[in-house]
Amino acid sequence: MILNIFLQAQSTASMLPYLLVMFAIMYFFMIRPQMKRQKQEKNFQSSLKKGDKVVTTSGIHGKIVDLIDSDNTCVIETGAGRIKFERSAISQELSKKYAKKPVK
């Protein structure tokens, strides 16, 4: 019985390096890239300014006419009128995309 417990303890100790390597692989392939994306998203949302042409996550195109910092929202003017959105609902900015390409 004592020998059985001793052998189980040895097998657990020999698995420890493999578990550490597996955790390191998960960190570099899953956790770290997600943290990087979150940081980029936060920088994008904080860099929004009035006059930027944006697209929301629901596909609504519009131009930012007002930023409200107290509740982290913005007002977007669309073809149908003005709509209030959370900054997190903005998926991409179109101002920079079209500024690089000349309009034909």
PDB file of N, CA and C in Angstrom:
ATOM      1  N   MET A   1       0.821  -1.193   0.000  1.00  0.00           N
ATOM      2  CA  MET A   1       0.000   0.000   0.000  1.00  0.00           C
ATOM      3  C   MET A   1       0.864   1.255   0.000  1.00  0.00           C
ATOM      4  N   ILE A   2       1.867   1.294   0.856  1.00  0.00           N
ATOM      5  CA  ILE A   2       2.756   2.460   0.914  1.00  0.00           C
ATOM      6  C   ILE A   2       3.540   2.576  -0.383  1.00  0.00           C
ATOM      7  N   LEU A   3       3.945   1.450  -0.953  1.00  0.00           N
ATOM      8  CA  LEU A   3       4.670   1.461  -2.218  1.00  0.00           C
ATOM      9  C   LEU A   3       3.796   2.024  -3.334  1.00  0.00           C
ATOM     10  N   ASN A   4       2.516   1.685  -3.332  1.00  0.00           N
ATOM     11  CA  ASN A   4       1.576   2.174  -4.330  1.00  0.00           C
ATOM     12  C   ASN A   4       1.444   3.702  -4.239  1.00  0.00           C
ATOM     13  N   ILE A   5       1.320   4.248  -3.044  1.00  0.00           N
ATOM     14  CA  ILE A   5       1.222   5.697  -2.847  1.00  0.00           C
ATOM     15  C   ILE A   5       2.508   6.379  -3.286  1.00  0.00           C
ATOM     16  N   PHE A   6       3.650   5.767  -2.974  1.00  0.00           N
ATOM     17  CA  PHE A   6       4.942   6.331  -3.366  1.00  0.00           C
ATOM     18  C   PHE A   6       5.079   6.383  -4.886  1.00  0.00           C
ATOM     19  N   LEU A   7       4.655   5.325  -5.576  1.00  0.00           N
ATOM     20  CA  LEU A   7       4.735   5.295  -7.036  1.00  0.00           C
ATOM     21  C   LEU A   7       3.797   6.319  -7.672  1.00  0.00           C
ATOM     22  N   GLN A   8       2.620   6.525  -7.086  1.00  0.00           N
ATOM     23  CA  GLN A   8       1.696   7.535  -7.598  1.00  0.00           C
ATOM     24  C   GLN A   8       2.279   8.933  -7.410  1.00  0.00           C
ATOM     25  N   ALA A   9       2.941   9.183  -6.302  1.00  0.00           N
ATOM     26  CA  ALA A   9       3.560  10.480  -6.054  1.00  0.00           C
ATOM     27  C   ALA A   9       4.670  10.735  -7.053  1.00  0.00           C
ATOM     28  N   GLN A  10       5.432   9.725  -7.393  1.00  0.00           N
ATOM     29  CA  GLN A  10       6.503   9.882  -8.369  1.00  0.00           C
ATOM     30  C   GLN A  10       5.932  10.187  -9.751  1.00  0.00           C
ATOM     31  N   SER A  11       4.873   9.523 -10.146  1.00  0.00           N
ATOM     32  CA  SER A  11       4.292   9.758 -11.474  1.00  0.00           C
ATOM     33  C   SER A  11       3.702  11.158 -11.566  1.00  0.00           C
ATOM     34  N   THR A  12       3.129  11.662 -10.471  1.00  0.00           N
ATOM     35  CA  THR A  12       2.586  13.023 -10.457  1.00  0.00           C
ATOM     36  C   THR A  12       3.714  14.037 -10.577  1.00  0.00           C
ATOM     37  N   ALA A  13       4.806  13.803  -9.890  1.00  0.00           N
ATOM     38  CA  ALA A  13       5.946  14.718  -9.953  1.00  0.00           C
ATOM     39  C   ALA A  13       6.576  14.710 -11.336  1.00  0.00           C
ATOM     40  N   SER A  14       6.569  13.589 -12.009  1.00  0.00           N
ATOM     41  CA  SER A  14       7.153  13.538 -13.349  1.00  0.00           C
ATOM     42  C   SER A  14       6.245  14.208 -14.380  1.00  0.00           C
ATOM     43  N   MET A  15       4.973  14.375 -14.069  1.00  0.00           N
ATOM     44  CA  MET A  15       4.049  15.039 -14.989  1.00  0.00           C
ATOM     45  C   MET A  15       4.094  16.551 -14.858  1.00  0.00           C
ATOM     46  N   LEU A  16       4.657  17.057 -13.778  1.00  0.00           N
ATOM     47  CA  LEU A  16       4.671  18.493 -13.531  1.00  0.00           C
ATOM     48  C   LEU A  16       5.331  19.288 -14.655  1.00  0.00           C
ATOM     49  N   PRO A  17       6.490  18.894 -15.172  1.00  0.00           N
ATOM     50  CA  PRO A  17       7.069  19.660 -16.289  1.00  0.00           C
ATOM     51  C   PRO A  17       6.167  19.697 -17.529  1.00  0.00           C
ATOM     52  N   TYR A  18       5.487  18.581 -17.791  1.00  0.00           N
ATOM     53  CA  TYR A  18       4.590  18.548 -18.945  1.00  0.00           C
ATOM     54  C   TYR A  18       3.406  19.496 -18.761  1.00  0.00           C
ATOM     55  N   LEU A  19       2.892  19.557 -17.542  1.00  0.00           N
ATOM     56  CA  LEU A  19       1.799  20.477 -17.263  1.00  0.00           C
ATOM     57  C   LEU A  19       2.244  21.923 -17.392  1.00  0.00           C
ATOM     58  N   LEU A  20       3.453  22.226 -16.939  1.00  0.00           N
ATOM     59  CA  LEU A  20       3.976  23.586 -17.067  1.00  0.00           C
ATOM     60  C   LEU A  20       4.184  23.971 -18.527  1.00  0.00           C
ATOM     61  N   VAL A  21       4.696  23.048 -19.318  1.00  0.00           N
ATOM     62  CA  VAL A  21       4.881  23.309 -20.747  1.00  0.00           C
ATOM     63  C   VAL A  21       3.535  23.506 -21.425  1.00  0.00           C
ATOM     64  N   MET A  22       2.542  22.720 -21.058  1.00  0.00           N
ATOM     65  CA  MET A  22       1.215  22.853 -21.648  1.00  0.00           C
ATOM     66  C   MET A  22       0.598  24.201 -21.278  1.00  0.00           C
ATOM     67  N   PHE A  23       0.764  24.636 -20.043  1.00  0.00           N
ATOM     68  CA  PHE A  23       0.250  25.940 -19.638  1.00  0.00           C
ATOM     69  C   PHE A  23       0.964  27.061 -20.394  1.00  0.00           C
ATOM     70  N   ALA A  24       2.274  26.946 -20.568  1.00  0.00           N
ATOM     71  CA  ALA A  24       3.020  27.965 -21.308  1.00  0.00           C
ATOM     72  C   ALA A  24       2.541  28.056 -22.752  1.00  0.00           C
ATOM     73  N   ILE A  25       2.294  26.923 -23.377  1.00  0.00           N
ATOM     74  CA  ILE A  25       1.792  26.912 -24.757  1.00  0.00           C
ATOM     75  C   ILE A  25       0.419  27.563 -24.819  1.00  0.00           C
ATOM     76  N   MET A  26      -0.459  27.250 -23.868  1.00  0.00           N
ATOM     77  CA  MET A  26      -1.792  27.862 -23.848  1.00  0.00           C
ATOM     78  C   MET A  26      -1.687  29.371 -23.648  1.00  0.00           C
ATOM     79  N   TYR A  27      -0.751  29.797 -22.806  1.00  0.00           N
ATOM     80  CA  TYR A  27      -0.590  31.227 -22.561  1.00  0.00           C
ATOM     81  C   TYR A  27      -0.178  31.953 -23.833  1.00  0.00           C
ATOM     82  N   PHE A  28       0.821  31.428 -24.540  1.00  0.00           N
ATOM     83  CA  PHE A  28       1.328  32.127 -25.720  1.00  0.00           C
ATOM     84  C   PHE A  28       0.413  32.021 -26.932  1.00  0.00           C
ATOM     85  N   PHE A  29      -0.413  30.995 -27.007  1.00  0.00           N
ATOM     86  CA  PHE A  29      -1.287  30.852 -28.167  1.00  0.00           C
ATOM     87  C   PHE A  29      -2.727  31.286 -27.930  1.00  0.00           C
ATOM     88  N   MET A  30      -3.155  31.417 -26.670  1.00  0.00           N
ATOM     89  CA  MET A  30      -4.548  31.766 -26.415  1.00  0.00           C
ATOM     90  C   MET A  30      -4.698  33.019 -25.553  1.00  0.00           C
ATOM     91  N   ILE A  31      -4.057  33.048 -24.425  1.00  0.00           N
ATOM     92  CA  ILE A  31      -4.282  34.135 -23.469  1.00  0.00           C
ATOM     93  C   ILE A  31      -3.618  35.423 -23.923  1.00  0.00           C
ATOM     94  N   ARG A  32      -2.364  35.362 -24.307  1.00  0.00           N
ATOM     95  CA  ARG A  32      -1.624  36.571 -24.696  1.00  0.00           C
ATOM     96  C   ARG A  32      -2.216  37.267 -25.922  1.00  0.00           C
ATOM     97  N   PRO A  33      -2.562  36.549 -27.003  1.00  0.00           N
ATOM     98  CA  PRO A  33      -3.180  37.242 -28.143  1.00  0.00           C
ATOM     99  C   PRO A  33      -4.517  37.892 -27.794  1.00  0.00           C
ATOM    100  N   GLN A  34      -5.297  37.260 -26.916  1.00  0.00           N
ATOM    101  CA  GLN A  34      -6.575  37.843 -26.512  1.00  0.00           C
ATOM    102  C   GLN A  34      -6.348  39.133 -25.737  1.00  0.00           C
ATOM    103  N   MET A  35      -5.350  39.159 -24.862  1.00  0.00           N
ATOM    104  CA  MET A  35      -5.030  40.375 -24.115  1.00  0.00           C
ATOM    105  C   MET A  35      -4.567  41.481 -25.060  1.00  0.00           C
ATOM    106  N   LYS A  36      -3.823  41.116 -26.092  1.00  0.00           N
ATOM    107  CA  LYS A  36      -3.352  42.092 -27.074  1.00  0.00           C
ATOM    108  C   LYS A  36      -4.528  42.687 -27.849  1.00  0.00           C
ATOM    109  N   ARG A  37      -5.482  41.843 -28.256  1.00  0.00           N
ATOM    110  CA  ARG A  37      -6.671  42.330 -28.963  1.00  0.00           C
ATOM    111  C   ARG A  37      -7.499  43.258 -28.085  1.00  0.00           C
ATOM    112  N   GLN A  38      -7.645  42.923 -26.808  1.00  0.00           N
ATOM    113  CA  GLN A  38      -8.403  43.770 -25.896  1.00  0.00           C
ATOM    114  C   GLN A  38      -7.741  45.129 -25.740  1.00  0.00           C
ATOM    115  N   LYS A  39      -6.421  45.158 -25.680  1.00  0.00           N
ATOM    116  CA  LYS A  39      -5.693  46.415 -25.554  1.00  0.00           C
ATOM    117  C   LYS A  39      -5.873  47.267 -26.811  1.00  0.00           C
ATOM    118  N   GLN A  40      -5.788  46.643 -27.990  1.00  0.00           N
ATOM    119  CA  GLN A  40      -5.996  47.368 -29.246  1.00  0.00           C
ATOM    120  C   GLN A  40      -7.408  47.922 -29.328  1.00  0.00           C
ATOM    121  N   GLU A  41      -8.395  47.147 -28.903  1.00  0.00           N
ATOM    122  CA  GLU A  41      -9.790  47.590 -28.936  1.00  0.00           C
ATOM    123  C   GLU A  41      -9.996  48.781 -28.002  1.00  0.00           C
ATOM    124  N   LYS A  42      -9.390  48.730 -26.833  1.00  0.00           N
ATOM    125  CA  LYS A  42      -9.512  49.832 -25.878  1.00  0.00           C
ATOM    126  C   LYS A  42      -8.866  51.103 -26.437  1.00  0.00           C
ATOM    127  N   ASN A  43      -7.690  50.966 -27.061  1.00  0.00           N
ATOM    128  CA  ASN A  43      -7.032  52.123 -27.684  1.00  0.00           C
ATOM    129  C   ASN A  43      -7.866  52.687 -28.825  1.00  0.00           C
ATOM    130  N   PHE A  44      -8.491  51.812 -29.615  1.00  0.00           N
ATOM    131  CA  PHE A  44      -9.337  52.254 -30.716  1.00  0.00           C
ATOM    132  C   PHE A  44     -10.523  53.051 -30.198  1.00  0.00           C
ATOM    133  N   GLN A  45     -11.178  52.538 -29.158  1.00  0.00           N
ATOM    134  CA  GLN A  45     -12.356  53.213 -28.621  1.00  0.00           C
ATOM    135  C   GLN A  45     -12.004  54.554 -27.986  1.00  0.00           C
ATOM    136  N   SER A  46     -10.843  54.640 -27.371  1.00  0.00           N
ATOM    137  CA  SER A  46     -10.460  55.904 -26.749  1.00  0.00           C
ATOM    138  C   SER A  46      -9.970  56.923 -27.774  1.00  0.00           C
ATOM    139  N   SER A  47      -9.579  56.474 -28.970  1.00  0.00           N
ATOM    140  CA  SER A  47      -9.076  57.397 -29.984  1.00  0.00           C
ATOM    141  C   SER A  47     -10.175  57.948 -30.893  1.00  0.00           C
ATOM    142  N   LEU A  48     -11.420  57.530 -30.694  1.00  0.00           N
ATOM    143  CA  LEU A  48     -12.521  58.052 -31.508  1.00  0.00           C
ATOM    144  C   LEU A  48     -12.712  59.535 -31.234  1.00  0.00           C
ATOM    145  N   LYS A  49     -13.048  60.274 -32.299  1.00  0.00           N
ATOM    146  CA  LYS A  49     -13.256  61.715 -32.149  1.00  0.00           C
ATOM    147  C   LYS A  49     -14.417  62.153 -33.030  1.00  0.00           C
ATOM    148  N   LYS A  50     -14.867  63.356 -32.810  1.00  0.00           N
ATOM    149  CA  LYS A  50     -15.980  63.887 -33.603  1.00  0.00           C
ATOM    150  C   LYS A  50     -15.571  63.963 -35.067  1.00  0.00           C
ATOM    151  N   GLY A  51     -16.514  63.633 -35.931  1.00  0.00           N
ATOM    152  CA  GLY A  51     -16.271  63.700 -37.363  1.00  0.00           C
ATOM    153  C   GLY A  51     -15.799  62.394 -37.971  1.00  0.00           C
ATOM    154  N   ASP A  52     -15.428  61.402 -37.161  1.00  0.00           N
ATOM    155  CA  ASP A  52     -14.991  60.110 -37.689  1.00  0.00           C
ATOM    156  C   ASP A  52     -16.174  59.366 -38.287  1.00  0.00           C
ATOM    157  N   LYS A  53     -15.958  58.774 -39.441  1.00  0.00           N
ATOM    158  CA  LYS A  53     -16.973  57.918 -40.057  1.00  0.00           C
ATOM    159  C   LYS A  53     -16.724  56.511 -39.551  1.00  0.00           C
ATOM    160  N   VAL A  54     -17.771  55.892 -39.012  1.00  0.00           N
ATOM    161  CA  VAL A  54     -17.626  54.594 -38.356  1.00  0.00           C
ATOM    162  C   VAL A  54     -18.704  53.619 -38.800  1.00  0.00           C
ATOM    163  N   VAL A  55     -18.471  52.349 -38.472  1.00  0.00           N
ATOM    164  CA  VAL A  55     -19.449  51.282 -38.674  1.00  0.00           C
ATOM    165  C   VAL A  55     -19.639  50.603 -37.326  1.00  0.00           C
ATOM    166  N   THR A  56     -20.884  50.396 -36.943  1.00  0.00           N
ATOM    167  CA  THR A  56     -21.164  49.719 -35.673  1.00  0.00           C
ATOM    168  C   THR A  56     -21.142  48.209 -35.879  1.00  0.00           C
ATOM    169  N   THR A  57     -21.192  47.483 -34.777  1.00  0.00           N
ATOM    170  CA  THR A  57     -21.201  46.022 -34.863  1.00  0.00           C
ATOM    171  C   THR A  57     -22.466  45.499 -35.533  1.00  0.00           C
ATOM    172  N   SER A  58     -23.531  46.289 -35.522  1.00  0.00           N
ATOM    173  CA  SER A  58     -24.770  45.873 -36.187  1.00  0.00           C
ATOM    174  C   SER A  58     -24.802  46.295 -37.656  1.00  0.00           C
ATOM    175  N   GLY A  59     -23.741  46.948 -38.137  1.00  0.00           N
ATOM    176  CA  GLY A  59     -23.633  47.301 -39.550  1.00  0.00           C
ATOM    177  C   GLY A  59     -24.154  48.673 -39.907  1.00  0.00           C
ATOM    178  N   ILE A  60     -24.429  49.510 -38.942  1.00  0.00           N
ATOM    179  CA  ILE A  60     -24.932  50.853 -39.213  1.00  0.00           C
ATOM    180  C   ILE A  60     -23.759  51.789 -39.495  1.00  0.00           C
ATOM    181  N   HIS A  61     -23.806  52.466 -40.633  1.00  0.00           N
ATOM    182  CA  HIS A  61     -22.774  53.426 -41.014  1.00  0.00           C
ATOM    183  C   HIS A  61     -23.206  54.817 -40.570  1.00  0.00           C
ATOM    184  N   GLY A  62     -22.256  55.598 -40.102  1.00  0.00           N
ATOM    185  CA  GLY A  62     -22.586  56.952 -39.701  1.00  0.00           C
ATOM    186  C   GLY A  62     -21.356  57.746 -39.335  1.00  0.00           C
ATOM    187  N   LYS A  63     -21.608  58.974 -38.893  1.00  0.00           N
ATOM    188  CA  LYS A  63     -20.531  59.886 -38.509  1.00  0.00           C
ATOM    189  C   LYS A  63     -20.739  60.287 -37.054  1.00  0.00           C
ATOM    190  N   ILE A  64     -19.662  60.292 -36.280  1.00  0.00           N
ATOM    191  CA  ILE A  64     -19.760  60.668 -34.870  1.00  0.00           C
ATOM    192  C   ILE A  64     -19.958  62.174 -34.785  1.00  0.00           C
ATOM    193  N   VAL A  65     -21.026  62.584 -34.103  1.00  0.00           N
ATOM    194  CA  VAL A  65     -21.302  64.015 -33.933  1.00  0.00           C
ATOM    195  C   VAL A  65     -21.103  64.469 -32.490  1.00  0.00           C
ATOM    196  N   ASP A  66     -21.099  63.516 -31.537  1.00  0.00           N
ATOM    197  CA  ASP A  66     -20.897  63.893 -30.143  1.00  0.00           C
ATOM    198  C   ASP A  66     -20.357  62.706 -29.366  1.00  0.00           C
ATOM    199  N   LEU A  67     -19.399  62.979 -28.476  1.00  0.00           N
ATOM    200  CA  LEU A  67     -18.852  61.958 -27.589  1.00  0.00           C
ATOM    201  C   LEU A  67     -19.196  62.333 -26.156  1.00  0.00           C
ATOM    202  N   ILE A  68     -19.780  61.402 -25.433  1.00  0.00           N
ATOM    203  CA  ILE A  68     -20.168  61.637 -24.048  1.00  0.00           C
ATOM    204  C   ILE A  68     -19.285  60.751 -23.176  1.00  0.00           C
ATOM    205  N   ASP A  69     -18.296  61.371 -22.501  1.00  0.00           N
ATOM    206  CA  ASP A  69     -17.334  60.596 -21.719  1.00  0.00           C
ATOM    207  C   ASP A  69     -17.902  60.087 -20.405  1.00  0.00           C
ATOM    208  N   SER A  70     -18.891  60.760 -19.848  1.00  0.00           N
ATOM    209  CA  SER A  70     -19.402  60.367 -18.525  1.00  0.00           C
ATOM    210  C   SER A  70     -20.020  58.975 -18.529  1.00  0.00           C
ATOM    211  N   ASP A  71     -20.722  58.618 -19.592  1.00  0.00           N
ATOM    212  CA  ASP A  71     -21.317  57.275 -19.654  1.00  0.00           C
ATOM    213  C   ASP A  71     -20.767  56.452 -20.814  1.00  0.00           C
ATOM    214  N   ASN A  72     -19.625  56.868 -21.387  1.00  0.00           N
ATOM    215  CA  ASN A  72     -18.902  56.105 -22.406  1.00  0.00           C
ATOM    216  C   ASN A  72     -19.769  55.824 -23.641  1.00  0.00           C
ATOM    217  N   THR A  73     -20.499  56.820 -24.083  1.00  0.00           N
ATOM    218  CA  THR A  73     -21.350  56.671 -25.256  1.00  0.00           C
ATOM    219  C   THR A  73     -20.985  57.718 -26.302  1.00  0.00           C
ATOM    220  N   CYS A  74     -21.551  57.570 -27.472  1.00  0.00           N
ATOM    221  CA  CYS A  74     -21.364  58.553 -28.535  1.00  0.00           C
ATOM    222  C   CYS A  74     -22.657  58.641 -29.340  1.00  0.00           C
ATOM    223  N   VAL A  75     -22.829  59.765 -29.998  1.00  0.00           N
ATOM    224  CA  VAL A  75     -24.000  59.980 -30.841  1.00  0.00           C
ATOM    225  C   VAL A  75     -23.529  59.901 -32.286  1.00  0.00           C
ATOM    226  N   ILE A  76     -24.183  59.047 -33.057  1.00  0.00           N
ATOM    227  CA  ILE A  76     -23.820  58.841 -34.461  1.00  0.00           C
ATOM    228  C   ILE A  76     -24.961  59.340 -35.337  1.00  0.00           C
ATOM    229  N   GLU A  77     -24.592  60.125 -36.349  1.00  0.00           N
ATOM    230  CA  GLU A  77     -25.582  60.618 -37.295  1.00  0.00           C
ATOM    231  C   GLU A  77     -25.614  59.683 -38.490  1.00  0.00           C
ATOM    232  N   THR A  78     -26.783  59.147 -38.767  1.00  0.00           N
ATOM    233  CA  THR A  78     -26.972  58.252 -39.907  1.00  0.00           C
ATOM    234  C   THR A  78     -27.944  58.898 -40.881  1.00  0.00           C
ATOM    235  N   GLY A  79     -28.283  58.199 -41.915  1.00  0.00           N
ATOM    236  CA  GLY A  79     -29.253  58.702 -42.865  1.00  0.00           C
ATOM    237  C   GLY A  79     -30.639  58.852 -42.263  1.00  0.00           C
ATOM    238  N   ALA A  80     -30.926  58.069 -41.230  1.00  0.00           N
ATOM    239  CA  ALA A  80     -32.245  58.101 -40.603  1.00  0.00           C
ATOM    240  C   ALA A  80     -32.324  59.094 -39.453  1.00  0.00           C
ATOM    241  N   GLY A  81     -31.215  59.616 -39.010  1.00  0.00           N
ATOM    242  CA  GLY A  81     -31.203  60.544 -37.886  1.00  0.00           C
ATOM    243  C   GLY A  81     -30.034  60.269 -36.959  1.00  0.00           C
ATOM    244  N   ARG A  82     -30.150  60.761 -35.740  1.00  0.00           N
ATOM    245  CA  ARG A  82     -29.083  60.584 -34.758  1.00  0.00           C
ATOM    246  C   ARG A  82     -29.441  59.445 -33.804  1.00  0.00           C
ATOM    247  N   ILE A  83     -28.426  58.604 -33.545  1.00  0.00           N
ATOM    248  CA  ILE A  83     -28.618  57.452 -32.677  1.00  0.00           C
ATOM    249  C   ILE A  83     -27.497  57.441 -31.644  1.00  0.00           C
ATOM    250  N   LYS A  84     -27.845  57.101 -30.399  1.00  0.00           N
ATOM    251  CA  LYS A  84     -26.869  57.033 -29.320  1.00  0.00           C
ATOM    252  C   LYS A  84     -26.384  55.595 -29.164  1.00  0.00           C
ATOM    253  N   PHE A  85     -25.065  55.397 -29.182  1.00  0.00           N
ATOM    254  CA  PHE A  85     -24.454  54.070 -29.080  1.00  0.00           C
ATOM    255  C   PHE A  85     -23.402  54.051 -27.980  1.00  0.00           C
ATOM    256  N   GLU A  86     -23.157  52.867 -27.455  1.00  0.00           N
ATOM    257  CA  GLU A  86     -21.997  52.656 -26.595  1.00  0.00           C
ATOM    258  C   GLU A  86     -20.759  52.652 -27.488  1.00  0.00           C
ATOM    259  N   ARG A  87     -19.642  53.109 -26.948  1.00  0.00           N
ATOM    260  CA  ARG A  87     -18.412  53.090 -27.745  1.00  0.00           C
ATOM    261  C   ARG A  87     -17.998  51.664 -28.094  1.00  0.00           C
ATOM    262  N   SER A  88     -18.318  50.722 -27.239  1.00  0.00           N
ATOM    263  CA  SER A  88     -17.956  49.328 -27.507  1.00  0.00           C
ATOM    264  C   SER A  88     -18.725  48.746 -28.689  1.00  0.00           C
ATOM    265  N   ALA A  89     -19.796  49.414 -29.127  1.00  0.00           N
ATOM    266  CA  ALA A  89     -20.584  48.928 -30.261  1.00  0.00           C
ATOM    267  C   ALA A  89     -19.995  49.364 -31.597  1.00  0.00           C
ATOM    268  N   ILE A  90     -18.948  50.167 -31.583  1.00  0.00           N
ATOM    269  CA  ILE A  90     -18.325  50.613 -32.825  1.00  0.00           C
ATOM    270  C   ILE A  90     -17.247  49.614 -33.198  1.00  0.00           C
ATOM    271  N   SER A  91     -17.350  49.059 -34.402  1.00  0.00           N
ATOM    272  CA  SER A  91     -16.423  48.000 -34.787  1.00  0.00           C
ATOM    273  C   SER A  91     -15.239  48.500 -35.602  1.00  0.00           C
ATOM    274  N   GLN A  92     -15.448  49.500 -36.450  1.00  0.00           N
ATOM    275  CA  GLN A  92     -14.326  49.990 -37.245  1.00  0.00           C
ATOM    276  C   GLN A  92     -14.544  51.428 -37.669  1.00  0.00           C
ATOM    277  N   GLU A  93     -13.434  52.066 -38.004  1.00  0.00           N
ATOM    278  CA  GLU A  93     -13.477  53.446 -38.453  1.00  0.00           C
ATOM    279  C   GLU A  93     -13.241  53.468 -39.948  1.00  0.00           C
ATOM    280  N   LEU A  94     -14.070  54.205 -40.659  1.00  0.00           N
ATOM    281  CA  LEU A  94     -13.949  54.275 -42.112  1.00  0.00           C
ATOM    282  C   LEU A  94     -13.177  55.503 -42.576  1.00  0.00           C
ATOM    283  N   SER A  95     -13.011  56.502 -41.729  1.00  0.00           N
ATOM    284  CA  SER A  95     -12.335  57.734 -42.117  1.00  0.00           C
ATOM    285  C   SER A  95     -10.916  57.458 -42.592  1.00  0.00           C
ATOM    286  N   LYS A  96     -10.166  56.665 -41.845  1.00  0.00           N
ATOM    287  CA  LYS A  96      -8.781  56.364 -42.198  1.00  0.00           C
ATOM    288  C   LYS A  96      -8.703  55.461 -43.421  1.00  0.00           C
ATOM    289  N   LYS A  97      -9.656  54.526 -43.538  1.00  0.00           N
ATOM    290  CA  LYS A  97      -9.641  53.587 -44.661  1.00  0.00           C
ATOM    291  C   LYS A  97      -9.823  54.320 -45.986  1.00  0.00           C
ATOM    292  N   TYR A  98     -10.759  55.268 -46.025  1.00  0.00           N
ATOM    293  CA  TYR A  98     -11.020  55.989 -47.273  1.00  0.00           C
ATOM    294  C   TYR A  98     -10.061  57.150 -47.483  1.00  0.00           C
ATOM    295  N   ALA A  99      -9.393  57.621 -46.455  1.00  0.00           N
ATOM    296  CA  ALA A  99      -8.436  58.722 -46.608  1.00  0.00           C
ATOM    297  C   ALA A  99      -7.197  58.248 -47.358  1.00  0.00           C
ATOM    298  N   LYS A 100      -6.846  56.962 -47.234  1.00  0.00           N
ATOM    299  CA  LYS A 100      -5.663  56.423 -47.907  1.00  0.00           C
ATOM    300  C   LYS A 100      -5.906  56.182 -49.385  1.00  0.00           C
ATOM    301  N   LYS A 101      -7.130  55.825 -49.749  1.00  0.00           N
ATOM    302  CA  LYS A 101      -7.442  55.495 -51.136  1.00  0.00           C
ATOM    303  C   LYS A 101      -8.078  56.722 -51.814  1.00  0.00           C
ATOM    304  N   PRO A 102      -7.599  57.097 -52.998  1.00  0.00           N
ATOM    305  CA  PRO A 102      -8.250  58.183 -53.710  1.00  0.00           C
ATOM    306  C   PRO A 102      -9.594  57.738 -54.268  1.00  0.00           C
ATOM    307  N   VAL A 103     -10.568  58.620 -54.204  1.00  0.00           N
ATOM    308  CA  VAL A 103     -11.903  58.319 -54.714  1.00  0.00           C
ATOM    309  C   VAL A 103     -11.912  58.522 -56.220  1.00  0.00           C
ATOM    310  N   LYS A 104     -12.429  57.549 -56.966  1.00  0.00           N
ATOM    311  CA  LYS A 104     -12.440  57.625 -58.434  1.00  0.00           C
ATOM    312  C   LYS A 104     -13.700  58.261 -58.919  1.00  0.00           C
TER     313      LYS A 104
END
